[in-house]
Amino acid sequence: MVTGGVGQGDSYGGYRGQLVEVLRRKGIRDLAVLRAVQMVPRHLFVPESVRHRAYDDVALPIGSGQTISQPFVQARYLELIGLTGKEKVLEIGTGSGYQTALLALLASMVFSVERVPHLAQQAKGALAAAGIRNVTVLVGDGTLGWRPFAPYDAILVSAASPDVPAPLIEQLATGGRMVIPLGDRETQTLTLVERGDLGIRTSTIGDVRFVPLLGEFGFSNG
């Protein structure tokens, strides 16, 4: 949840409104997702050097070879997951913390794993500044998930993997959904993974481009 004074009343509110209209024109229809974009101060989650572009519908660098994804891609992710506000969500790749903040408005609890310690620390600071309270961030190998709090109703993976990491499949609840980019380091396909009573079903959504998911069940560092 977002608490405190940050939200529609700050000086960036108009820019967020413009971004919402851009996303709406591009086909985002989920009103809860659009409301989250309107509420979350994206400028708090980007470096000062690119803050003037915080509400452009583009990916931006955040350091350590990582990016904050294009808002349309993140909104599409969130639409695919179809959250109702009651879910426990696992996010792999905290990054800037912006998508984490969007999730916090759309779910009950968010557990986020980031492998780069200083990015995790920056994200925690930005989440606190934005008044986000229902998020816990762990520094670790995201391909292993976060077993103590499993199973999860939804899992969002914000980096590309050659295959769906086995621990994440194990930690997905029955009836749960996972969104993950699958492919090599250059070209990937956004994939929806659903666990039903009869097992796992996957469906492809479209071509995307993400940084590689590093870890035991992802790409190697080499």
C-alpha atoms as a PDB file:
ATOM      1  CA  MET A   1       0.000   0.000   0.000  1.00  0.00           C
ATOM      2  CA  VAL A   2       1.024   3.620  -0.435  1.00  0.00           C
ATOM      3  CA  THR A   3       0.852   5.752   2.684  1.00  0.00           C
ATOM      4  CA  GLY A   4       1.728   9.313   3.551  1.00  0.00           C
ATOM      5  CA  GLY A   5       1.634  12.323   1.283  1.00  0.00           C
ATOM      6  CA  VAL A   6       3.183  10.886  -1.872  1.00  0.00           C
ATOM      7  CA  GLY A   7       0.663  10.196  -4.626  1.00  0.00           C
ATOM      8  CA  GLN A   8      -1.574  12.191  -6.891  1.00  0.00           C
ATOM      9  CA  GLY A   9      -1.049  15.405  -4.961  1.00  0.00           C
ATOM     10  CA  ASP A  10       2.674  15.903  -5.638  1.00  0.00           C
ATOM     11  CA  SER A  11       4.065  18.059  -8.440  1.00  0.00           C
ATOM     12  CA  TYR A  12       4.568  15.097 -10.782  1.00  0.00           C
ATOM     13  CA  GLY A  13       0.914  14.057 -10.700  1.00  0.00           C
ATOM     14  CA  GLY A  14       0.156  15.637 -14.068  1.00  0.00           C
ATOM     15  CA  TYR A  15       3.018  13.789 -15.730  1.00  0.00           C
ATOM     16  CA  ARG A  16       1.747  10.514 -14.302  1.00  0.00           C
ATOM     17  CA  GLY A  17      -1.683  11.309 -15.695  1.00  0.00           C
ATOM     18  CA  GLN A  18      -0.146  11.806 -19.141  1.00  0.00           C
ATOM     19  CA  LEU A  19       1.658   8.468 -18.834  1.00  0.00           C
ATOM     20  CA  VAL A  20      -1.606   6.758 -17.909  1.00  0.00           C
ATOM     21  CA  GLU A  21      -3.201   8.148 -21.081  1.00  0.00           C
ATOM     22  CA  VAL A  22      -0.280   6.889 -23.173  1.00  0.00           C
ATOM     23  CA  LEU A  23      -0.693   3.404 -21.684  1.00  0.00           C
ATOM     24  CA  ARG A  24      -4.433   3.521 -22.258  1.00  0.00           C
ATOM     25  CA  ARG A  25      -3.912   4.430 -25.933  1.00  0.00           C
ATOM     26  CA  LYS A  26      -1.475   1.525 -26.280  1.00  0.00           C
ATOM     27  CA  GLY A  27      -4.095  -0.921 -25.079  1.00  0.00           C
ATOM     28  CA  ILE A  28      -3.781  -1.227 -21.303  1.00  0.00           C
ATOM     29  CA  ARG A  29      -7.341  -1.716 -20.030  1.00  0.00           C
ATOM     30  CA  ASP A  30      -6.978  -2.940 -16.445  1.00  0.00           C
ATOM     31  CA  LEU A  31      -8.226  -0.025 -14.335  1.00  0.00           C
ATOM     32  CA  ALA A  32      -6.382  -1.207 -11.232  1.00  0.00           C
ATOM     33  CA  VAL A  33      -3.088  -1.237 -13.147  1.00  0.00           C
ATOM     34  CA  LEU A  34      -3.724   2.234 -14.567  1.00  0.00           C
ATOM     35  CA  ARG A  35      -4.603   3.513 -11.096  1.00  0.00           C
ATOM     36  CA  ALA A  36      -1.338   2.075  -9.721  1.00  0.00           C
ATOM     37  CA  VAL A  37       0.631   3.896 -12.443  1.00  0.00           C
ATOM     38  CA  GLN A  38      -1.222   7.092 -11.525  1.00  0.00           C
ATOM     39  CA  MET A  39      -0.372   6.634  -7.850  1.00  0.00           C
ATOM     40  CA  VAL A  40       3.272   5.500  -7.819  1.00  0.00           C
ATOM     41  CA  PRO A  41       5.918   8.251  -8.108  1.00  0.00           C
ATOM     42  CA  ARG A  42       8.224   6.763 -10.762  1.00  0.00           C
ATOM     43  CA  HIS A  43      10.621   9.699 -10.432  1.00  0.00           C
ATOM     44  CA  LEU A  44      11.689   8.373  -7.025  1.00  0.00           C
ATOM     45  CA  PHE A  45      12.881   5.141  -8.645  1.00  0.00           C
ATOM     46  CA  VAL A  46      15.234   6.547 -11.298  1.00  0.00           C
ATOM     47  CA  PRO A  47      18.641   8.265 -10.958  1.00  0.00           C
ATOM     48  CA  GLU A  48      18.602  12.054 -10.808  1.00  0.00           C
ATOM     49  CA  SER A  49      20.452  12.196 -14.142  1.00  0.00           C
ATOM     50  CA  VAL A  50      17.414  10.755 -15.971  1.00  0.00           C
ATOM     51  CA  ARG A  51      14.667  12.018 -13.680  1.00  0.00           C
ATOM     52  CA  HIS A  52      13.454  14.444 -16.353  1.00  0.00           C
ATOM     53  CA  ARG A  53      12.435  11.359 -18.370  1.00  0.00           C
ATOM     54  CA  ALA A  54      10.808   9.502 -15.489  1.00  0.00           C
ATOM     55  CA  TYR A  55       7.325   9.631 -17.045  1.00  0.00           C
ATOM     56  CA  ASP A  56       8.317   8.908 -20.629  1.00  0.00           C
ATOM     57  CA  ASP A  57       7.228   5.461 -21.816  1.00  0.00           C
ATOM     58  CA  VAL A  58      10.807   4.246 -22.152  1.00  0.00           C
ATOM     59  CA  ALA A  59      13.294   2.048 -20.316  1.00  0.00           C
ATOM     60  CA  LEU A  60      15.950   3.973 -18.373  1.00  0.00           C
ATOM     61  CA  PRO A  61      19.371   2.974 -16.959  1.00  0.00           C
ATOM     62  CA  ILE A  62      19.615   2.543 -13.171  1.00  0.00           C
ATOM     63  CA  GLY A  63      23.260   1.401 -12.897  1.00  0.00           C
ATOM     64  CA  SER A  64      25.073  -1.955 -12.708  1.00  0.00           C
ATOM     65  CA  GLY A  65      24.015  -2.700 -16.278  1.00  0.00           C
ATOM     66  CA  GLN A  66      20.357  -2.787 -15.202  1.00  0.00           C
ATOM     67  CA  THR A  67      17.350  -0.800 -16.382  1.00  0.00           C
ATOM     68  CA  ILE A  68      13.944   0.270 -15.182  1.00  0.00           C
ATOM     69  CA  SER A  69      11.668  -1.289 -17.798  1.00  0.00           C
ATOM     70  CA  GLN A  70       9.378   0.599 -20.154  1.00  0.00           C
ATOM     71  CA  PRO A  71       6.117   1.382 -18.286  1.00  0.00           C
ATOM     72  CA  PHE A  72       4.030  -0.247 -21.037  1.00  0.00           C
ATOM     73  CA  VAL A  73       5.922  -3.524 -20.617  1.00  0.00           C
ATOM     74  CA  GLN A  74       5.448  -3.418 -16.854  1.00  0.00           C
ATOM     75  CA  ALA A  75       1.757  -2.605 -17.198  1.00  0.00           C
ATOM     76  CA  ARG A  76       1.375  -5.505 -19.633  1.00  0.00           C
ATOM     77  CA  TYR A  77       3.086  -7.786 -17.111  1.00  0.00           C
ATOM     78  CA  LEU A  78       0.647  -6.711 -14.429  1.00  0.00           C
ATOM     79  CA  GLU A  79      -2.381  -7.162 -16.670  1.00  0.00           C
ATOM     80  CA  LEU A  80      -1.318 -10.716 -17.474  1.00  0.00           C
ATOM     81  CA  ILE A  81      -1.028 -11.611 -13.789  1.00  0.00           C
ATOM     82  CA  GLY A  82      -4.566 -10.341 -13.135  1.00  0.00           C
ATOM     83  CA  LEU A  83      -4.224  -9.491  -9.446  1.00  0.00           C
ATOM     84  CA  THR A  84      -7.286  -8.881  -7.279  1.00  0.00           C
ATOM     85  CA  GLY A  85      -5.579  -7.345  -4.233  1.00  0.00           C
ATOM     86  CA  LYS A  86      -5.523 -10.474  -2.062  1.00  0.00           C
ATOM     87  CA  GLU A  87      -2.488 -12.253  -3.493  1.00  0.00           C
ATOM     88  CA  LYS A  88       0.958 -13.053  -2.140  1.00  0.00           C
ATOM     89  CA  VAL A  89       3.405 -12.227  -4.939  1.00  0.00           C
ATOM     90  CA  LEU A  90       7.040 -13.114  -5.581  1.00  0.00           C
ATOM     91  CA  GLU A  91       9.052 -10.735  -7.763  1.00  0.00           C
ATOM     92  CA  ILE A  92      12.407 -11.842  -9.165  1.00  0.00           C
ATOM     93  CA  GLY A  93      14.578  -8.831  -9.911  1.00  0.00           C
ATOM     94  CA  THR A  94      13.715  -5.873  -7.699  1.00  0.00           C
ATOM     95  CA  GLY A  95      15.847  -3.537  -9.788  1.00  0.00           C
ATOM     96  CA  SER A  96      14.769   0.048  -9.166  1.00  0.00           C
ATOM     97  CA  GLY A  97      11.792  -1.049  -7.055  1.00  0.00           C
ATOM     98  CA  TYR A  98       9.229   0.641  -9.312  1.00  0.00           C
ATOM     99  CA  GLN A  99       7.471  -2.521 -10.429  1.00  0.00           C
ATOM    100  CA  THR A 100       7.642  -3.662  -6.805  1.00  0.00           C
ATOM    101  CA  ALA A 101       5.739  -0.527  -5.828  1.00  0.00           C
ATOM    102  CA  LEU A 102       3.104  -1.124  -8.510  1.00  0.00           C
ATOM    103  CA  LEU A 103       2.685  -4.675  -7.226  1.00  0.00           C
ATOM    104  CA  ALA A 104       2.284  -3.361  -3.685  1.00  0.00           C
ATOM    105  CA  LEU A 105      -0.856  -1.491  -4.760  1.00  0.00           C
ATOM    106  CA  LEU A 106      -2.244  -4.519  -6.568  1.00  0.00           C
ATOM    107  CA  ALA A 107      -1.511  -7.347  -4.099  1.00  0.00           C
ATOM    108  CA  SER A 108      -1.638  -8.062  -0.394  1.00  0.00           C
ATOM    109  CA  MET A 109       2.049  -8.919   0.117  1.00  0.00           C
ATOM    110  CA  VAL A 110       5.085  -8.664  -2.137  1.00  0.00           C
ATOM    111  CA  PHE A 111       8.352 -10.549  -1.655  1.00  0.00           C
ATOM    112  CA  SER A 112      11.100  -9.330  -3.985  1.00  0.00           C
ATOM    113  CA  VAL A 113      14.563 -10.820  -4.626  1.00  0.00           C
ATOM    114  CA  GLU A 114      17.481  -8.783  -6.034  1.00  0.00           C
ATOM    115  CA  ARG A 115      20.966 -10.173  -6.595  1.00  0.00           C
ATOM    116  CA  VAL A 116      22.824  -6.798  -6.610  1.00  0.00           C
ATOM    117  CA  PRO A 117      23.125  -5.540  -3.012  1.00  0.00           C
ATOM    118  CA  HIS A 118      23.348  -1.809  -3.726  1.00  0.00           C
ATOM    119  CA  LEU A 119      20.344  -1.938  -6.085  1.00  0.00           C
ATOM    120  CA  ALA A 120      18.358  -3.688  -3.365  1.00  0.00           C
ATOM    121  CA  GLN A 121      19.368  -0.970  -0.906  1.00  0.00           C
ATOM    122  CA  GLN A 122      18.425   1.824  -3.314  1.00  0.00           C
ATOM    123  CA  ALA A 123      15.089   0.148  -4.003  1.00  0.00           C
ATOM    124  CA  LYS A 124      14.362  -0.127  -0.287  1.00  0.00           C
ATOM    125  CA  GLY A 125      15.035   3.600   0.086  1.00  0.00           C
ATOM    126  CA  ALA A 126      12.800   4.511  -2.843  1.00  0.00           C
ATOM    127  CA  LEU A 127      10.003   2.245  -1.593  1.00  0.00           C
ATOM    128  CA  ALA A 128      10.203   3.864   1.829  1.00  0.00           C
ATOM    129  CA  ALA A 129      10.160   7.339   0.280  1.00  0.00           C
ATOM    130  CA  ALA A 130       7.063   6.356  -1.704  1.00  0.00           C
ATOM    131  CA  GLY A 131       5.326   5.169   1.450  1.00  0.00           C
ATOM    132  CA  ILE A 132       5.267   1.489   0.454  1.00  0.00           C
ATOM    133  CA  ARG A 133       4.858  -0.784   3.477  1.00  0.00           C
ATOM    134  CA  ASN A 134       3.748  -4.248   2.288  1.00  0.00           C
ATOM    135  CA  VAL A 135       7.019  -5.258   0.565  1.00  0.00           C
ATOM    136  CA  THR A 136      10.006  -7.286   1.776  1.00  0.00           C
ATOM    137  CA  VAL A 137      13.251  -7.254  -0.224  1.00  0.00           C
ATOM    138  CA  LEU A 138      15.871 -10.028  -0.090  1.00  0.00           C
ATOM    139  CA  VAL A 139      19.397  -9.958  -1.530  1.00  0.00           C
ATOM    140  CA  GLY A 140      20.029 -13.320  -3.148  1.00  0.00           C
ATOM    141  CA  ASP A 141      19.800 -15.616  -6.165  1.00  0.00           C
ATOM    142  CA  GLY A 142      16.376 -15.005  -7.629  1.00  0.00           C
ATOM    143  CA  THR A 143      16.421 -18.255  -9.602  1.00  0.00           C
ATOM    144  CA  LEU A 144      16.022 -20.045  -6.262  1.00  0.00           C
ATOM    145  CA  GLY A 145      12.885 -18.067  -5.410  1.00  0.00           C
ATOM    146  CA  TRP A 146      12.116 -17.448  -1.739  1.00  0.00           C
ATOM    147  CA  ARG A 147      11.014 -20.781  -0.324  1.00  0.00           C
ATOM    148  CA  PRO A 148      10.063 -19.837   3.276  1.00  0.00           C
ATOM    149  CA  PHE A 149       7.047 -17.807   2.093  1.00  0.00           C
ATOM    150  CA  ALA A 150       5.945 -20.133  -0.746  1.00  0.00           C
ATOM    151  CA  PRO A 151       3.609 -20.932  -2.374  1.00  0.00           C
ATOM    152  CA  TYR A 152       2.927 -17.711  -4.246  1.00  0.00           C
ATOM    153  CA  ASP A 153      -0.250 -16.744  -6.067  1.00  0.00           C
ATOM    154  CA  ALA A 154       1.779 -14.898  -8.696  1.00  0.00           C
ATOM    155  CA  ILE A 155       5.443 -14.717  -9.701  1.00  0.00           C
ATOM    156  CA  LEU A 156       6.901 -11.982 -11.899  1.00  0.00           C
ATOM    157  CA  VAL A 157      10.390 -12.451 -13.321  1.00  0.00           C
ATOM    158  CA  SER A 158      12.000  -9.236 -14.524  1.00  0.00           C
ATOM    159  CA  ALA A 159      14.958 -10.788 -16.356  1.00  0.00           C
ATOM    160  CA  ALA A 160      15.322 -13.292 -19.187  1.00  0.00           C
ATOM    161  CA  SER A 161      15.957 -16.965 -18.492  1.00  0.00           C
ATOM    162  CA  PRO A 162      16.840 -19.842 -20.852  1.00  0.00           C
ATOM    163  CA  ASP A 163      14.167 -21.958 -19.133  1.00  0.00           C
ATOM    164  CA  VAL A 164      11.656 -21.534 -16.320  1.00  0.00           C
ATOM    165  CA  PRO A 165      13.712 -22.093 -13.141  1.00  0.00           C
ATOM    166  CA  ALA A 166      12.519 -25.294 -11.445  1.00  0.00           C
ATOM    167  CA  PRO A 167      12.361 -23.714  -7.955  1.00  0.00           C
ATOM    168  CA  LEU A 168       9.943 -21.059  -9.253  1.00  0.00           C
ATOM    169  CA  ILE A 169       7.617 -23.689 -10.693  1.00  0.00           C
ATOM    170  CA  GLU A 170       7.710 -25.498  -7.352  1.00  0.00           C
ATOM    171  CA  GLN A 171       6.848 -22.296  -5.488  1.00  0.00           C
ATOM    172  CA  LEU A 172       3.880 -21.340  -7.706  1.00  0.00           C
ATOM    173  CA  ALA A 173       0.537 -22.080  -6.044  1.00  0.00           C
ATOM    174  CA  THR A 174      -2.186 -24.091  -7.741  1.00  0.00           C
ATOM    175  CA  GLY A 175      -4.217 -21.556  -9.677  1.00  0.00           C
ATOM    176  CA  GLY A 176      -1.194 -19.251  -9.742  1.00  0.00           C
ATOM    177  CA  ARG A 177       0.386 -17.414 -12.673  1.00  0.00           C
ATOM    178  CA  MET A 178       3.978 -16.600 -13.541  1.00  0.00           C
ATOM    179  CA  VAL A 179       5.190 -14.165 -16.198  1.00  0.00           C
ATOM    180  CA  ILE A 180       8.750 -14.677 -17.403  1.00  0.00           C
ATOM    181  CA  PRO A 181      10.813 -13.771 -20.509  1.00  0.00           C
ATOM    182  CA  LEU A 182      12.302 -16.964 -22.012  1.00  0.00           C
ATOM    183  CA  GLY A 183      15.051 -17.226 -24.609  1.00  0.00           C
ATOM    184  CA  ASP A 184      18.728 -16.423 -25.055  1.00  0.00           C
ATOM    185  CA  ARG A 185      20.599 -13.292 -24.036  1.00  0.00           C
ATOM    186  CA  GLU A 186      19.538 -11.411 -27.169  1.00  0.00           C
ATOM    187  CA  THR A 187      15.983 -12.446 -28.055  1.00  0.00           C
ATOM    188  CA  GLN A 188      13.216 -13.577 -25.741  1.00  0.00           C
ATOM    189  CA  THR A 189       9.512 -14.315 -25.682  1.00  0.00           C
ATOM    190  CA  LEU A 190       7.307 -13.159 -22.848  1.00  0.00           C
ATOM    191  CA  THR A 191       5.703 -16.314 -21.491  1.00  0.00           C
ATOM    192  CA  LEU A 192       2.736 -16.911 -19.190  1.00  0.00           C
ATOM    193  CA  VAL A 193       3.045 -19.976 -16.953  1.00  0.00           C
ATOM    194  CA  GLU A 194      -0.095 -21.208 -15.195  1.00  0.00           C
ATOM    195  CA  ARG A 195      -0.419 -23.994 -12.638  1.00  0.00           C
ATOM    196  CA  GLY A 196      -3.752 -25.783 -12.731  1.00  0.00           C
ATOM    197  CA  ASP A 197      -5.077 -28.927 -11.096  1.00  0.00           C
ATOM    198  CA  LEU A 198      -3.738 -30.958 -14.027  1.00  0.00           C
ATOM    199  CA  GLY A 199      -0.269 -29.412 -14.083  1.00  0.00           C
ATOM    200  CA  ILE A 200       1.636 -26.601 -15.804  1.00  0.00           C
ATOM    201  CA  ARG A 201       0.467 -24.807 -18.938  1.00  0.00           C
ATOM    202  CA  THR A 202       2.522 -22.216 -20.825  1.00  0.00           C
ATOM    203  CA  SER A 203       1.479 -19.697 -23.464  1.00  0.00           C
ATOM    204  CA  THR A 204       3.547 -17.146 -25.373  1.00  0.00           C
ATOM    205  CA  ILE A 205       2.641 -13.464 -25.337  1.00  0.00           C
ATOM    206  CA  GLY A 206       5.136 -11.665 -27.557  1.00  0.00           C
ATOM    207  CA  ASP A 207       8.744 -10.705 -28.209  1.00  0.00           C
ATOM    208  CA  VAL A 208      10.582  -8.750 -25.497  1.00  0.00           C
ATOM    209  CA  ARG A 209      14.134  -7.759 -24.584  1.00  0.00           C
ATOM    210  CA  PHE A 210      15.345  -8.059 -20.979  1.00  0.00           C
ATOM    211  CA  VAL A 211      18.679  -8.313 -19.184  1.00  0.00           C
ATOM    212  CA  PRO A 212      19.713 -11.930 -18.430  1.00  0.00           C
ATOM    213  CA  LEU A 213      18.614 -13.679 -15.245  1.00  0.00           C
ATOM    214  CA  LEU A 214      21.831 -14.734 -13.520  1.00  0.00           C
ATOM    215  CA  GLY A 215      21.981 -17.550 -11.013  1.00  0.00           C
ATOM    216  CA  GLU A 216      22.016 -21.277 -10.416  1.00  0.00           C
ATOM    217  CA  PHE A 217      18.941 -21.904 -12.591  1.00  0.00           C
ATOM    218  CA  GLY A 218      19.497 -19.047 -15.037  1.00  0.00           C
ATOM    219  CA  PHE A 219      22.436 -17.778 -17.078  1.00  0.00           C
ATOM    220  CA  SER A 220      25.961 -18.034 -15.741  1.00  0.00           C
ATOM    221  CA  ASN A 221      27.993 -14.911 -15.009  1.00  0.00           C
ATOM    222  CA  GLY A 222      30.578 -15.853 -17.592  1.00  0.00           C
END
